[in-house]
Amino acid sequence: MTETTPTTLESVDIGKLLTLLPHRYPFLLVDRIIEIDHDNSAIGIKNVTVNEPHFTGHFPGQPVMPGVLVIEAMAQTAGAICVLNTMGNSRPKVVYFMTIDECRFRKPVTPGDQVRLHMTKIKNRRNMWWYKGEAKVDGVIVAEATVSAMVVME
């Protein structure tokens, strides 16, 4: 019988996120990243609150988080783990969001929801990464997409 050593999964709090991503309020759309397995996979967490600026006009009296912001949160999660795992001694100059494919919106995201952004690497070639993402609220898929990013080093 062979024993396997469990993989230790990392997590990133908001302080570390601010060093990995250039985004700031109101466009930083990830509050924490958990279960990071190198650049292979991770789960980003977005706590949705009613006082976010997009709810003022989307939609008055019936706030719904714009789907494109859910996809952006997926991309930020993937971008952060790419940066975390490619930094070494140098910091990337920028991470460009390159593509969105196979995007589907399944259910609305509303204030009070906690969105879990499940990102899994499909492949990476040189400075390009492709991730399959599923956004879930209470375990139910609310959006899904395949996104790609390019890391540009200084």
Protein backbone atom coordinates (compact mmCIF):
# COMPACT_ATOMS: atom_id res chain seq x y z
CA MET A 1 0.00 0.00 0.00
CA THR A 2 1.43 3.35 -1.00
CA GLU A 3 0.68 6.55 0.79
CA THR A 4 0.18 9.74 -1.12
CA THR A 5 1.14 13.08 0.27
CA PRO A 6 -1.81 15.46 0.14
CA THR A 7 -1.32 18.55 -1.95
CA THR A 8 -1.22 21.74 0.09
CA LEU A 9 -3.47 24.27 -1.57
CA GLU A 10 -2.69 27.97 -1.21
CA SER A 11 -5.03 30.87 -0.64
CA VAL A 12 -4.70 34.59 -1.30
CA ASP A 13 -6.36 37.29 0.81
CA ILE A 14 -7.29 40.77 -0.34
CA GLY A 15 -3.93 42.23 0.69
CA LYS A 16 -2.01 39.80 -1.52
CA LEU A 17 -4.57 40.23 -4.34
CA LEU A 18 -3.79 43.94 -4.40
CA THR A 19 -0.14 43.08 -5.12
CA LEU A 20 -1.06 40.61 -7.89
CA LEU A 21 -3.68 42.63 -9.77
CA PRO A 22 -3.65 46.27 -10.87
CA HIS A 23 -7.44 46.55 -10.40
CA ARG A 24 -8.88 48.71 -7.63
CA TYR A 25 -12.35 49.64 -6.44
CA PRO A 26 -14.81 49.62 -8.09
CA PHE A 27 -13.24 47.26 -10.62
CA LEU A 28 -11.52 44.74 -8.35
CA LEU A 29 -14.08 41.94 -8.52
CA VAL A 30 -12.43 39.22 -6.43
CA ASP A 31 -12.29 39.33 -2.63
CA ARG A 32 -10.25 36.19 -2.00
CA ILE A 33 -8.83 33.20 -3.85
CA ILE A 34 -8.83 29.77 -2.23
CA GLU A 35 -7.71 26.27 -3.14
CA ILE A 36 -4.95 27.45 -5.46
CA ASP A 37 -3.16 24.55 -7.12
CA HIS A 38 -0.22 26.35 -8.78
CA ASP A 39 -1.57 27.76 -12.07
CA ASN A 40 -3.72 24.64 -12.62
CA SER A 41 -6.86 25.68 -10.76
CA ALA A 42 -8.30 27.93 -8.10
CA ILE A 43 -11.56 29.22 -6.68
CA GLY A 44 -12.08 32.97 -6.50
CA ILE A 45 -14.67 34.42 -4.14
CA LYS A 46 -16.75 37.50 -4.90
CA ASN A 47 -19.09 38.72 -2.16
CA VAL A 48 -21.83 40.67 -3.90
CA THR A 49 -23.15 43.70 -1.98
CA VAL A 50 -25.96 46.10 -2.84
CA ASN A 51 -23.73 49.17 -2.45
CA GLU A 52 -21.66 48.35 -5.56
CA PRO A 53 -21.97 51.16 -8.11
CA HIS A 54 -23.36 49.09 -11.00
CA PHE A 55 -26.52 48.27 -9.04
CA THR A 56 -27.63 51.91 -9.20
CA GLY A 57 -28.58 51.50 -12.83
CA HIS A 58 -28.66 47.71 -13.32
CA PHE A 59 -31.58 47.63 -12.49
CA PRO A 60 -33.29 50.16 -10.19
CA GLY A 61 -35.58 48.25 -7.83
CA GLN A 62 -34.32 44.87 -9.05
CA PRO A 63 -30.51 44.79 -8.76
CA VAL A 64 -28.71 42.23 -10.96
CA MET A 65 -24.92 41.98 -11.30
CA PRO A 66 -24.02 42.49 -14.97
CA GLY A 67 -22.94 39.20 -16.52
CA VAL A 68 -19.85 40.78 -18.06
CA LEU A 69 -18.66 41.60 -14.53
CA VAL A 70 -19.07 37.96 -13.52
CA ILE A 71 -16.87 36.99 -16.49
CA GLU A 72 -14.39 39.74 -15.54
CA ALA A 73 -14.23 38.26 -12.02
CA MET A 74 -13.38 34.89 -13.60
CA ALA A 75 -10.62 36.51 -15.65
CA GLN A 76 -9.23 38.32 -12.59
CA THR A 77 -9.10 35.02 -10.69
CA ALA A 78 -7.24 33.31 -13.53
CA GLY A 79 -4.95 36.32 -14.02
CA ALA A 80 -4.04 36.43 -10.35
CA ILE A 81 -2.98 32.79 -10.22
CA CYS A 82 -0.98 33.21 -13.45
CA VAL A 83 0.86 36.17 -11.91
CA LEU A 84 1.31 34.34 -8.60
CA ASN A 85 2.93 31.41 -10.36
CA THR A 86 5.02 33.26 -12.95
CA MET A 87 6.40 36.03 -10.77
CA GLY A 88 9.58 34.40 -9.52
CA ASN A 89 11.81 37.39 -8.90
CA SER A 90 10.18 39.63 -11.50
CA ARG A 91 6.68 41.03 -11.66
CA PRO A 92 4.69 40.96 -14.91
CA LYS A 93 4.23 44.37 -16.46
CA VAL A 94 0.61 43.61 -17.31
CA VAL A 95 -1.82 40.73 -17.87
CA TYR A 96 -4.05 41.22 -20.91
CA PHE A 97 -7.50 39.62 -21.07
CA MET A 98 -7.45 38.14 -24.60
CA THR A 99 -10.58 36.09 -25.33
CA ILE A 100 -13.96 35.00 -24.01
CA ASP A 101 -15.41 31.85 -25.60
CA GLU A 102 -18.36 29.56 -24.95
CA CYS A 103 -19.88 32.09 -22.58
CA ARG A 104 -23.26 31.25 -21.02
CA PHE A 105 -25.27 33.06 -18.38
CA ARG A 106 -27.53 30.67 -16.47
CA LYS A 107 -29.02 32.59 -13.54
CA PRO A 108 -28.91 36.18 -12.26
CA VAL A 109 -26.47 37.18 -9.51
CA THR A 110 -27.99 39.50 -6.92
CA PRO A 111 -26.84 41.34 -3.78
CA GLY A 112 -26.20 38.96 -0.90
CA ASP A 113 -24.87 36.21 -3.18
CA GLN A 114 -21.40 34.79 -2.77
CA VAL A 115 -20.06 33.88 -6.19
CA ARG A 116 -17.43 31.15 -6.33
CA LEU A 117 -15.33 31.35 -9.47
CA HIS A 118 -14.00 27.88 -10.30
CA MET A 119 -11.12 28.27 -12.75
CA THR A 120 -9.30 25.31 -14.31
CA LYS A 121 -6.36 25.63 -16.68
CA ILE A 122 -6.94 24.14 -20.11
CA LYS A 123 -3.46 24.89 -21.43
CA ASN A 124 -0.64 27.38 -21.45
CA ARG A 125 1.80 28.16 -24.21
CA ARG A 126 4.67 30.58 -23.61
CA ASN A 127 3.03 33.66 -22.11
CA MET A 128 -0.59 32.67 -22.92
CA TRP A 129 -3.02 30.86 -20.60
CA TRP A 130 -6.49 29.41 -21.27
CA TYR A 131 -8.94 28.66 -18.45
CA LYS A 132 -12.38 27.10 -18.24
CA GLY A 133 -14.47 28.90 -15.66
CA GLU A 134 -17.71 28.23 -13.83
CA ALA A 135 -19.28 30.83 -11.57
CA LYS A 136 -21.45 29.25 -8.90
CA VAL A 137 -23.82 30.57 -6.23
CA ASP A 138 -24.76 28.00 -3.58
CA GLY A 139 -23.31 25.27 -5.82
CA VAL A 140 -25.49 26.21 -8.82
CA ILE A 141 -23.79 27.39 -12.02
CA VAL A 142 -24.76 31.00 -12.80
CA ALA A 143 -22.27 31.60 -15.63
CA GLU A 144 -19.56 29.76 -17.52
CA ALA A 145 -16.92 30.69 -20.06
CA THR A 146 -13.49 29.89 -21.41
CA VAL A 147 -11.11 32.84 -21.06
CA SER A 148 -7.54 33.46 -22.10
CA ALA A 149 -4.88 35.89 -20.94
CA MET A 150 -1.40 36.97 -21.98
CA VAL A 151 1.25 37.84 -19.39
CA VAL A 152 3.72 40.54 -20.48
CA MET A 153 6.91 40.62 -18.42
CA GLU A 154 8.88 43.80 -17.66
